[in-house]
Amino acid sequence: MSDVFRERSGYIFGRTGLWVLIAALACLRLSHVHLLWADEDYHLAAALNVLHGKVPYRDFWYDKPPLCALYYTLCGAYAGWALRLLDALYVFAAAVLTFRLAREWWGEAEGCAAAFLLTFFLTFYLASAVIPFAADALMIVPHIAAIERAFRKRAFAAGVWCGIAFLFNVKAVFVLATCIAWMTGAIPLLIGGFLGPLALAFLAAVASGAWQGYSEQVWRWGLIYAAHAPVSNPIGLGLRRTLDWLGFQAVLTAGAIYQLVHARRPELWRAGTWLLLSFAAVCLGERFAPHYFLQLLPPMAVAGGRGLVLAWRNRPKLTAAVATLLLLLPFVRFAPAYVSLAADDILGTEPHWSDVVLDLDSQHVAQQIKAVAQPGDTLFVWGYRPDIYVYTRMISGGLFSDSQPLTGVPADRHLHASKPVYEGPAAQNRTLLTHSQPTFIVDGLGLMNPQLAPGVYPEIRRWLAGYKLIGRTQLSLIYRISR
């Protein structure tokens, strides 16, 4: 009896310790409490508009699927503790779903391993990829939920989760393709479930008058953006970044290979199709941005966890030593950043990272604006600096909140290039911009790329003349409407 009790107690405390560790890893992102990263600030600014009663696509330009903005309404569109706690809870939820999927697929040990690996690599990788919850990160939970439902042969529910995922990220079609590959006999139910959330979103867009804007901003602009990737050698770039990712995730790579080599045929088909279709999603658009690999992380965590458990059962000491060594690589590379940021938070000093120069400049801009702002004041930011909206708690004074649809130059290249990909509509949009009268204008681009300064464009020069310069930072000029 005592042996059974000790074994049971060890199991309970071991599993409890695992979930405490997972929660602790998820909460490490709280060290970023005083920073905003690219893309999450865009969705926060959109959420701020939504909370002020504005409808995306109709009342403000928003070139992402709708659920990304709605996610950030859950923290009131605030930066700081509210945002980081929300994201930590999201990571924990993803870990729970990963645990359930791997446990149902193989067993308890595989579930624990997969949940830990997913959380570990949502923590120890490039901050710009794993800290901001943009479309790729926000699709993780519905992605895993859809696969878990498909594994349990719940075709309609799997389709519904695929549809929800699509409203975060159009790359969810690859999740749907995985479910179809697993459940070829239930395709009508899968498609029916998938179309359900989309139909509701379509009806909401039509009823609110947002459909035309959605088509233009998400699809037309999105397809133009995707067709003009600023990549001269996509094969070379893809190979290099894939090897980099697999190298930092070496324990996942080794575990997944071991799992595939030892898998039986049905298991090999499921894991193989999930991995291949997820990697195909990473390749879409030929950019291979680090955050694109988040679509590959769930299948790698599940397959890698299974592989590690199999290897540990055969050679426990060797597996433990190799896994620990491989986990040390990303830990040693990325853990010091959390320590450094935590120290900066405690001491109240600004971090000295090149990655956050723009964000810190936006904070300085926001401080100057807030010092003279009045309730009800509005803002327009030239450039792609949505964090200024978040820090000032101001909404856009018209349809546009950044310069991408006005210059036709996407933000991923407008610091060093000036060739538009959206030239005709951009000129029309500049004329529309002059019909708005925001209280403040921030030029957050002209000092870095004078070829795209707002004064370059004749359509808005007279409009700009109605504003006077009231402040500046290292990278930005601040204007206020002349009264």
Protein backbone atom coordinates (compact mmCIF):
# COMPACT_ATOMS: atom_id res chain seq x y z
CA MET A 1 0.00 0.00 0.00
CA SER A 2 2.81 2.44 0.93
CA ASP A 3 4.60 1.76 -2.37
CA VAL A 4 1.42 2.48 -4.32
CA PHE A 5 0.88 5.66 -2.29
CA ARG A 6 4.42 6.86 -2.92
CA GLU A 7 4.12 6.12 -6.63
CA ARG A 8 0.78 7.90 -6.85
CA SER A 9 2.06 10.87 -4.83
CA GLY A 10 5.15 11.13 -7.02
CA TYR A 11 2.96 11.17 -10.12
CA ILE A 12 0.66 13.87 -8.73
CA PHE A 13 3.49 16.11 -7.57
CA GLY A 14 5.42 15.52 -10.77
CA ARG A 15 2.48 16.52 -12.95
CA THR A 16 1.68 19.48 -10.71
CA GLY A 17 5.30 20.57 -10.93
CA LEU A 18 5.15 20.36 -14.72
CA TRP A 19 2.13 22.67 -14.92
CA VAL A 20 3.72 25.08 -12.45
CA LEU A 21 6.78 25.14 -14.71
CA ILE A 22 4.62 25.70 -17.80
CA ALA A 23 2.79 28.57 -16.06
CA ALA A 24 6.13 30.08 -15.01
CA LEU A 25 7.47 29.91 -18.56
CA ALA A 26 4.31 31.53 -19.90
CA CYS A 27 4.63 34.32 -17.35
CA LEU A 28 8.20 35.18 -18.37
CA ARG A 29 6.69 37.40 -21.04
CA LEU A 30 5.66 39.70 -18.21
CA SER A 31 9.21 41.06 -18.38
CA HIS A 32 8.07 42.76 -21.63
CA VAL A 33 5.42 44.65 -19.68
CA HIS A 34 6.83 48.07 -20.66
CA LEU A 35 7.32 47.28 -24.35
CA LEU A 36 5.18 46.74 -27.42
CA TRP A 37 6.29 44.75 -30.43
CA ALA A 38 5.46 45.20 -34.08
CA ASP A 39 2.06 43.82 -35.10
CA GLU A 40 0.64 43.39 -31.61
CA ASP A 41 0.51 47.19 -31.41
CA TYR A 42 -1.42 47.25 -34.71
CA HIS A 43 -4.11 44.94 -33.33
CA LEU A 44 -4.20 46.83 -30.02
CA ALA A 45 -4.80 50.08 -31.90
CA ALA A 46 -7.59 48.40 -33.86
CA ALA A 47 -9.11 47.06 -30.64
CA LEU A 48 -9.01 50.58 -29.20
CA ASN A 49 -11.05 51.79 -32.16
CA VAL A 50 -13.52 48.93 -31.69
CA LEU A 51 -13.95 49.80 -28.02
CA HIS A 52 -14.78 53.36 -29.11
CA GLY A 53 -17.64 52.00 -31.23
CA LYS A 54 -15.87 52.07 -34.60
CA VAL A 55 -16.38 49.20 -37.05
CA PRO A 56 -13.24 47.75 -38.65
CA TYR A 57 -13.00 48.06 -42.44
CA ARG A 58 -15.85 50.58 -42.51
CA ASP A 59 -14.67 53.21 -40.01
CA PHE A 60 -10.94 52.49 -39.94
CA TRP A 61 -8.46 50.73 -42.19
CA TYR A 62 -7.56 47.27 -40.92
CA ASP A 63 -5.90 44.79 -43.25
CA LYS A 64 -6.09 41.73 -40.98
CA PRO A 65 -8.88 39.23 -40.24
CA PRO A 66 -11.39 40.48 -37.64
CA LEU A 67 -10.72 38.19 -34.68
CA CYS A 68 -7.19 39.56 -34.26
CA ALA A 69 -8.62 42.92 -33.18
CA LEU A 70 -11.35 41.33 -31.07
CA TYR A 71 -8.77 39.30 -29.13
CA TYR A 72 -7.14 42.49 -27.87
CA THR A 73 -10.43 43.91 -26.66
CA LEU A 74 -10.17 41.25 -23.92
CA CYS A 75 -7.45 43.34 -22.23
CA GLY A 76 -9.24 46.61 -22.92
CA ALA A 77 -6.68 47.39 -25.65
CA TYR A 78 -4.21 48.27 -22.90
CA ALA A 79 -0.50 47.62 -23.03
CA GLY A 80 1.34 46.61 -19.87
CA TRP A 81 0.22 44.05 -17.32
CA ALA A 82 -3.23 43.46 -18.81
CA LEU A 83 -1.74 42.59 -22.20
CA ARG A 84 1.04 40.35 -20.93
CA LEU A 85 -1.25 38.43 -18.56
CA LEU A 86 -3.71 37.85 -21.40
CA ASP A 87 -0.92 36.48 -23.58
CA ALA A 88 0.40 34.29 -20.75
CA LEU A 89 -3.08 32.80 -20.33
CA TYR A 90 -3.22 32.18 -24.08
CA VAL A 91 0.09 30.28 -23.96
CA PHE A 92 -1.17 28.22 -21.02
CA ALA A 93 -4.40 27.41 -22.89
CA ALA A 94 -2.37 26.30 -25.91
CA ALA A 95 -0.30 24.05 -23.66
CA VAL A 96 -3.43 22.46 -22.18
CA LEU A 97 -4.84 21.72 -25.64
CA THR A 98 -1.51 20.31 -26.79
CA PHE A 99 -1.43 18.07 -23.72
CA ARG A 100 -4.93 16.79 -24.46
CA LEU A 101 -4.14 16.05 -28.09
CA ALA A 102 -0.89 14.19 -27.42
CA ARG A 103 -2.42 12.30 -24.47
CA GLU A 104 -5.33 11.11 -26.59
CA TRP A 105 -2.97 10.21 -29.42
CA TRP A 106 -0.42 8.28 -27.34
CA GLY A 107 -0.55 8.74 -23.58
CA GLU A 108 0.05 10.86 -20.49
CA ALA A 109 3.83 11.10 -20.87
CA GLU A 110 3.58 12.29 -24.47
CA GLY A 111 0.98 14.88 -23.44
CA CYS A 112 3.25 16.29 -20.75
CA ALA A 113 6.26 16.36 -23.06
CA ALA A 114 4.37 18.07 -25.90
CA ALA A 115 2.84 20.71 -23.60
CA PHE A 116 6.23 21.53 -22.11
CA LEU A 117 7.95 21.73 -25.49
CA LEU A 118 5.29 24.01 -26.96
CA THR A 119 5.55 26.39 -24.01
CA PHE A 120 9.34 26.28 -23.94
CA PHE A 121 9.62 27.32 -27.59
CA LEU A 122 6.91 29.95 -27.25
CA THR A 123 9.28 31.44 -24.66
CA PHE A 124 12.86 30.88 -25.79
CA TYR A 125 13.10 32.13 -29.33
CA LEU A 126 13.34 35.51 -31.06
CA ALA A 127 11.28 37.99 -29.03
CA SER A 128 9.85 39.55 -32.20
CA ALA A 129 8.43 36.14 -33.12
CA VAL A 130 7.06 34.80 -29.83
CA ILE A 131 6.17 37.84 -27.71
CA PRO A 132 3.73 39.70 -30.01
CA PHE A 133 0.50 37.83 -30.56
CA ALA A 134 -0.27 38.66 -34.17
CA ALA A 135 -2.19 36.49 -36.66
CA ASP A 136 0.25 33.57 -36.67
CA ALA A 137 0.39 33.31 -32.87
CA LEU A 138 -3.32 33.88 -32.38
CA MET A 139 -4.11 30.96 -34.67
CA ILE A 140 -2.27 28.47 -32.42
CA VAL A 141 -5.19 27.65 -30.10
CA PRO A 142 -7.85 27.11 -32.81
CA HIS A 143 -5.22 25.25 -34.87
CA ILE A 144 -4.58 22.73 -32.09
CA ALA A 145 -8.27 22.54 -31.20
CA ALA A 146 -9.15 21.70 -34.81
CA ILE A 147 -6.53 18.95 -35.00
CA GLU A 148 -7.63 17.52 -31.63
CA ARG A 149 -11.24 17.36 -32.84
CA ALA A 150 -10.16 15.77 -36.13
CA PHE A 151 -8.15 13.14 -34.25
CA ARG A 152 -11.28 12.27 -32.27
CA LYS A 153 -13.32 12.04 -35.52
CA ARG A 154 -15.46 15.05 -34.64
CA ALA A 155 -15.55 16.39 -38.18
CA PHE A 156 -18.04 19.23 -37.79
CA ALA A 157 -16.35 20.57 -34.66
CA ALA A 158 -12.96 20.34 -36.36
CA GLY A 159 -14.36 22.35 -39.26
CA VAL A 160 -15.76 24.99 -36.92
CA TRP A 161 -12.34 25.44 -35.29
CA CYS A 162 -10.76 25.70 -38.74
CA GLY A 163 -13.26 28.44 -39.57
CA ILE A 164 -12.43 30.28 -36.35
CA ALA A 165 -8.73 29.92 -37.14
CA PHE A 166 -9.36 31.39 -40.62
CA LEU A 167 -10.85 34.49 -39.00
CA PHE A 168 -7.47 34.95 -37.31
CA ASN A 169 -5.26 33.95 -40.23
CA VAL A 170 -6.03 32.84 -43.80
CA LYS A 171 -3.29 30.21 -43.48
CA ALA A 172 -5.87 28.19 -41.57
CA VAL A 173 -6.72 26.64 -44.94
CA PHE A 174 -3.68 24.43 -44.34
CA VAL A 175 -5.16 23.31 -41.02
CA LEU A 176 -8.38 22.50 -42.86
CA ALA A 177 -6.37 20.57 -45.46
CA THR A 178 -4.79 18.53 -42.67
CA CYS A 179 -8.21 17.69 -41.24
CA ILE A 180 -9.45 16.70 -44.71
CA ALA A 181 -6.42 14.44 -45.19
CA TRP A 182 -7.19 12.75 -41.88
CA MET A 183 -10.96 12.46 -42.47
CA THR A 184 -11.58 11.98 -46.17
CA GLY A 185 -14.88 10.27 -45.44
CA ALA A 186 -16.26 13.30 -43.58
CA ILE A 187 -15.40 16.14 -45.94
CA PRO A 188 -18.97 17.54 -46.15
CA LEU A 189 -19.15 17.83 -42.35
CA LEU A 190 -15.70 19.43 -42.22
CA ILE A 191 -16.55 21.97 -44.90
CA GLY A 192 -19.93 22.65 -43.32
CA GLY A 193 -18.32 23.35 -39.97
CA PHE A 194 -15.66 25.51 -41.61
CA LEU A 195 -18.20 27.64 -43.44
CA GLY A 196 -20.29 28.25 -40.30
CA PRO A 197 -18.07 30.92 -38.65
CA LEU A 198 -17.31 32.41 -42.06
CA ALA A 199 -21.01 32.77 -42.85
CA LEU A 200 -21.63 34.53 -39.53
CA ALA A 201 -18.68 36.86 -40.17
CA PHE A 202 -19.95 37.59 -43.69
CA LEU A 203 -23.44 38.43 -42.45
CA ALA A 204 -21.98 40.70 -39.76
CA ALA A 205 -19.78 42.47 -42.33
CA VAL A 206 -22.69 43.02 -44.73
CA ALA A 207 -25.06 44.15 -42.00
CA SER A 208 -22.53 46.65 -40.62
CA GLY A 209 -21.50 48.00 -44.01
CA ALA A 210 -17.96 46.67 -43.62
CA TRP A 211 -17.91 44.13 -46.45
CA GLN A 212 -16.58 46.40 -49.18
CA GLY A 213 -13.80 47.67 -46.93
CA TYR A 214 -12.97 44.13 -45.82
CA SER A 215 -12.62 42.99 -49.43
CA GLU A 216 -10.36 45.92 -50.29
CA GLN A 217 -8.22 45.99 -47.16
CA VAL A 218 -7.79 42.32 -46.30
CA TRP A 219 -7.92 40.72 -49.73
CA ARG A 220 -6.92 43.22 -52.39
CA TRP A 221 -4.19 44.86 -50.31
CA GLY A 222 -3.18 41.50 -48.83
CA LEU A 223 -2.81 39.82 -52.22
CA ILE A 224 -0.83 42.76 -53.60
CA TYR A 225 1.43 42.63 -50.55
CA ALA A 226 1.93 38.88 -50.94
CA ALA A 227 2.69 39.19 -54.66
CA HIS A 228 5.48 41.72 -54.09
CA ALA A 229 7.69 39.94 -51.59
CA PRO A 230 10.97 41.89 -51.19
CA VAL A 231 13.00 38.68 -51.48
CA SER A 232 15.52 38.22 -54.28
CA ASN A 233 16.34 34.56 -53.54
CA PRO A 234 13.38 32.93 -51.77
CA ILE A 235 14.81 29.40 -52.00
CA GLY A 236 18.06 30.43 -50.37
CA LEU A 237 16.25 32.50 -47.75
CA GLY A 238 13.81 29.71 -47.02
CA LEU A 239 16.56 27.13 -46.66
CA ARG A 240 18.63 29.33 -44.37
CA ARG A 241 15.77 30.36 -42.09
CA THR A 242 14.33 26.86 -41.95
CA LEU A 243 17.70 25.47 -40.90
CA ASP A 244 18.05 28.26 -38.34
CA TRP A 245 14.65 27.45 -36.88
CA LEU A 246 15.26 23.71 -36.85
CA GLY A 247 18.62 24.36 -35.21
CA PHE A 248 17.23 26.38 -32.33
CA GLN A 249 14.41 23.85 -32.05
CA ALA A 250 16.91 20.96 -32.33
CA VAL A 251 15.26 18.93 -29.58
CA LEU A 252 11.97 19.11 -31.52
CA THR A 253 13.75 18.21 -34.74
CA ALA A 254 15.44 15.18 -33.19
CA GLY A 255 12.28 14.06 -31.42
CA ALA A 256 10.10 14.43 -34.52
CA ILE A 257 12.57 12.47 -36.67
CA TYR A 258 12.71 9.70 -34.06
CA GLN A 259 8.93 9.59 -33.90
CA LEU A 260 8.52 9.42 -37.69
CA VAL A 261 11.15 6.69 -38.04
CA HIS A 262 9.44 4.52 -35.41
CA ALA A 263 5.84 5.34 -36.34
CA ARG A 264 3.40 2.80 -37.65
CA ARG A 265 1.71 3.52 -40.97
CA PRO A 266 -1.49 5.28 -39.74
CA GLU A 267 0.51 7.30 -37.23
CA LEU A 268 3.11 8.20 -39.86
CA TRP A 269 0.36 9.41 -42.20
CA ARG A 270 -1.23 11.64 -39.59
CA ALA A 271 1.98 13.15 -38.26
CA GLY A 272 3.56 13.42 -41.71
CA THR A 273 0.64 15.22 -43.36
CA TRP A 274 0.28 17.62 -40.43
CA LEU A 275 3.99 18.48 -40.52
CA LEU A 276 4.19 18.85 -44.31
CA LEU A 277 1.06 20.98 -44.66
CA SER A 278 2.12 23.18 -41.76
CA PHE A 279 5.51 23.72 -43.38
CA ALA A 280 3.76 24.53 -46.66
CA ALA A 281 1.96 27.32 -44.80
CA VAL A 282 5.33 28.65 -43.61
CA CYS A 283 6.51 28.79 -47.23
CA LEU A 284 3.45 30.71 -48.42
CA GLY A 285 4.47 34.18 -49.57
CA GLU A 286 8.17 33.26 -49.76
CA ARG A 287 9.13 35.52 -46.84
CA PHE A 288 9.92 32.90 -44.19
CA ALA A 289 9.56 35.43 -41.38
CA PRO A 290 10.42 33.90 -37.98
CA HIS A 291 6.83 34.22 -36.73
CA TYR A 292 5.57 32.23 -39.74
CA PHE A 293 7.16 29.14 -38.18
CA LEU A 294 4.62 29.30 -35.35
CA GLN A 295 2.30 27.31 -37.62
CA LEU A 296 4.87 24.51 -37.64
CA LEU A 297 5.43 24.59 -33.87
CA PRO A 298 2.32 22.61 -32.73
CA PRO A 299 2.94 19.54 -34.94
CA MET A 300 6.64 19.65 -34.12
CA ALA A 301 5.90 19.83 -30.38
CA VAL A 302 3.48 16.90 -30.56
CA ALA A 303 5.70 14.74 -32.76
CA GLY A 304 8.82 15.79 -30.86
CA GLY A 305 7.24 14.96 -27.52
CA ARG A 306 6.30 11.49 -28.75
CA GLY A 307 9.81 10.93 -30.12
CA LEU A 308 11.45 11.95 -26.84
CA VAL A 309 9.21 9.62 -24.84
CA LEU A 310 9.99 6.70 -27.16
CA ALA A 311 13.71 7.43 -27.00
CA TRP A 312 13.62 7.79 -23.21
CA ARG A 313 11.93 4.40 -22.85
CA ASN A 314 14.73 2.80 -24.86
CA ARG A 315 17.73 4.78 -23.58
CA PRO A 316 16.62 6.96 -20.65
CA LYS A 317 20.01 8.33 -19.53
CA LEU A 318 21.27 9.10 -23.03
CA THR A 319 17.95 10.68 -24.02
CA ALA A 320 17.85 12.85 -20.90
CA ALA A 321 21.43 14.03 -21.49
CA VAL A 322 20.93 14.83 -25.18
CA ALA A 323 17.57 16.54 -24.63
CA THR A 324 19.00 18.68 -21.83
CA LEU A 325 21.96 19.67 -23.99
CA LEU A 326 19.72 20.59 -26.94
CA LEU A 327 17.38 22.61 -24.71
CA LEU A 328 20.32 24.56 -23.34
CA LEU A 329 21.05 26.04 -26.78
CA PRO A 330 17.89 28.20 -27.01
CA PHE A 331 17.83 28.73 -23.25
CA VAL A 332 21.34 30.17 -23.13
CA ARG A 333 20.70 32.24 -26.25
CA PHE A 334 17.36 33.79 -25.21
CA ALA A 335 17.01 33.55 -21.40
CA PRO A 336 19.42 36.46 -20.67
CA ALA A 337 17.05 38.85 -22.47
CA TYR A 338 14.31 38.09 -19.94
CA VAL A 339 16.71 38.67 -17.05
CA SER A 340 17.92 41.93 -18.59
CA LEU A 341 14.39 43.21 -19.18
CA ALA A 342 13.27 42.20 -15.68
CA ALA A 343 16.23 44.11 -14.23
CA ASP A 344 15.34 47.15 -16.34
CA ASP A 345 11.74 46.93 -15.11
CA ILE A 346 12.84 46.80 -11.48
CA LEU A 347 15.35 49.64 -11.87
CA GLY A 348 13.04 51.73 -14.06
CA THR A 349 15.59 52.09 -16.87
CA GLU A 350 15.06 51.85 -20.61
CA PRO A 351 16.37 48.70 -22.35
CA HIS A 352 19.29 49.19 -24.73
CA TRP A 353 18.11 46.95 -27.56
CA SER A 354 18.24 47.93 -31.18
CA ASP A 355 14.98 45.97 -31.61
CA VAL A 356 13.00 48.36 -29.41
CA VAL A 357 14.35 51.73 -30.59
CA LEU A 358 11.14 52.55 -32.47
CA ASP A 359 8.95 51.51 -29.54
CA LEU A 360 10.90 53.66 -27.09
CA ASP A 361 10.68 56.59 -29.49
CA SER A 362 6.91 56.07 -29.68
CA GLN A 363 6.74 56.19 -25.89
CA HIS A 364 8.55 59.54 -25.94
CA VAL A 365 6.16 60.82 -28.61
CA ALA A 366 3.18 59.72 -26.52
CA GLN A 367 4.55 61.52 -23.44
CA GLN A 368 4.75 64.81 -25.34
CA ILE A 369 1.26 64.45 -26.81
CA LYS A 370 -0.36 63.50 -23.52
CA ALA A 371 1.17 66.55 -21.85
CA VAL A 372 -0.91 68.88 -24.06
CA ALA A 373 -3.85 66.70 -25.17
CA GLN A 374 -7.49 67.32 -24.27
CA PRO A 375 -10.30 64.74 -23.93
CA GLY A 376 -11.68 63.81 -27.33
CA ASP A 377 -8.51 64.67 -29.24
CA THR A 378 -7.68 62.39 -32.18
CA LEU A 379 -4.48 61.35 -33.91
CA PHE A 380 -3.03 60.39 -37.25
CA VAL A 381 0.40 58.75 -37.53
CA TRP A 382 2.34 58.90 -40.79
CA GLY A 383 4.47 55.74 -41.00
CA TYR A 384 3.69 52.45 -39.33
CA ARG A 385 3.73 53.33 -35.64
CA PRO A 386 0.46 51.99 -34.17
CA ASP A 387 2.05 51.82 -30.72
CA ILE A 388 1.63 55.61 -30.50
CA TYR A 389 -2.15 55.14 -30.56
CA VAL A 390 -1.88 52.59 -27.77
CA TYR A 391 0.38 54.72 -25.58
CA THR A 392 -1.73 57.88 -26.06
CA ARG A 393 -5.06 55.98 -25.85
CA MET A 394 -6.18 58.01 -28.88
CA ILE A 395 -8.08 56.78 -31.90
CA SER A 396 -7.56 57.77 -35.50
CA GLY A 397 -9.28 60.90 -36.72
CA GLY A 398 -10.49 59.27 -39.94
CA LEU A 399 -10.34 56.08 -41.98
CA PHE A 400 -6.54 55.83 -42.00
CA SER A 401 -4.17 55.31 -39.08
CA ASP A 402 -0.86 54.73 -40.90
CA SER A 403 0.73 55.62 -44.22
CA GLN A 404 0.80 52.22 -45.96
CA PRO A 405 -2.50 52.68 -47.84
CA LEU A 406 -1.48 56.30 -48.55
CA THR A 407 1.99 55.72 -50.00
CA GLY A 408 1.31 52.23 -51.36
CA VAL A 409 4.58 51.10 -49.76
CA PRO A 410 4.23 48.26 -47.20
CA ALA A 411 5.77 48.70 -43.76
CA ASP A 412 8.21 45.81 -44.20
CA ARG A 413 10.20 47.93 -46.66
CA HIS A 414 9.23 51.58 -46.25
CA LEU A 415 12.26 52.45 -44.09
CA HIS A 416 14.59 51.83 -47.05
CA ALA A 417 12.44 51.80 -50.21
CA SER A 418 9.90 54.11 -51.82
CA LYS A 419 8.48 52.16 -54.76
CA PRO A 420 4.71 51.72 -54.31
CA VAL A 421 2.88 48.45 -54.94
CA TYR A 422 -0.56 50.07 -54.53
CA GLU A 423 -0.07 53.33 -56.41
CA GLY A 424 -3.47 54.22 -57.91
CA PRO A 425 -5.61 53.53 -54.83
CA ALA A 426 -2.97 55.20 -52.63
CA ALA A 427 -3.39 58.50 -54.48
CA GLN A 428 -7.17 58.30 -54.01
CA ASN A 429 -6.66 57.52 -50.32
CA ARG A 430 -4.46 60.59 -49.89
CA THR A 431 -7.34 62.72 -51.14
CA LEU A 432 -9.66 60.99 -48.66
CA LEU A 433 -7.18 61.71 -45.87
CA THR A 434 -7.58 65.46 -46.37
CA HIS A 435 -11.27 65.17 -45.43
CA SER A 436 -10.26 64.27 -41.87
CA GLN A 437 -9.06 66.71 -39.20
CA PRO A 438 -7.17 64.83 -36.48
CA THR A 439 -5.97 66.96 -33.58
CA PHE A 440 -2.42 65.64 -33.81
CA ILE A 441 -0.29 64.36 -36.66
CA VAL A 442 2.89 62.42 -36.00
CA ASP A 443 5.35 62.00 -38.84
CA GLY A 444 7.05 58.80 -37.75
CA LEU A 445 8.61 58.01 -41.11
CA GLY A 446 9.93 61.13 -42.86
CA LEU A 447 13.07 61.49 -40.72
CA MET A 448 14.04 57.88 -41.50
CA ASN A 449 13.06 57.88 -45.20
CA PRO A 450 12.69 61.44 -46.59
CA GLN A 451 11.46 60.00 -49.91
CA LEU A 452 8.25 59.01 -48.12
CA ALA A 453 7.83 62.12 -45.98
CA PRO A 454 4.23 63.40 -46.05
CA GLY A 455 5.25 66.69 -47.67
CA VAL A 456 6.41 64.79 -50.76
CA TYR A 457 2.81 64.21 -51.84
CA PRO A 458 1.08 67.20 -53.46
CA GLU A 459 -2.43 65.97 -52.57
CA ILE A 460 -1.86 66.56 -48.85
CA ARG A 461 0.50 69.58 -48.72
CA ARG A 462 -2.29 72.10 -48.24
CA TRP A 463 -3.83 69.86 -45.58
CA LEU A 464 -0.50 69.65 -43.75
CA ALA A 465 -0.18 73.43 -43.84
CA GLY A 466 -3.03 73.57 -41.31
CA TYR A 467 -0.79 72.02 -38.67
CA LYS A 468 2.13 73.43 -36.72
CA LEU A 469 5.15 71.63 -35.32
CA ILE A 470 4.92 71.40 -31.52
CA GLY A 471 7.54 68.78 -30.68
CA ARG A 472 9.97 66.21 -31.90
CA THR A 473 11.90 63.16 -30.83
CA GLN A 474 14.91 61.47 -32.37
CA LEU A 475 12.75 59.74 -35.01
CA SER A 476 9.45 61.63 -35.09
CA LEU A 477 7.90 65.05 -35.67
CA ILE A 478 4.74 66.02 -33.76
CA TYR A 479 2.20 68.46 -35.23
CA ARG A 480 -0.99 69.96 -33.80
CA ILE A 481 -3.87 71.45 -35.73
CA SER A 482 -3.80 75.25 -35.90
CA ARG A 483 -6.81 76.70 -34.13
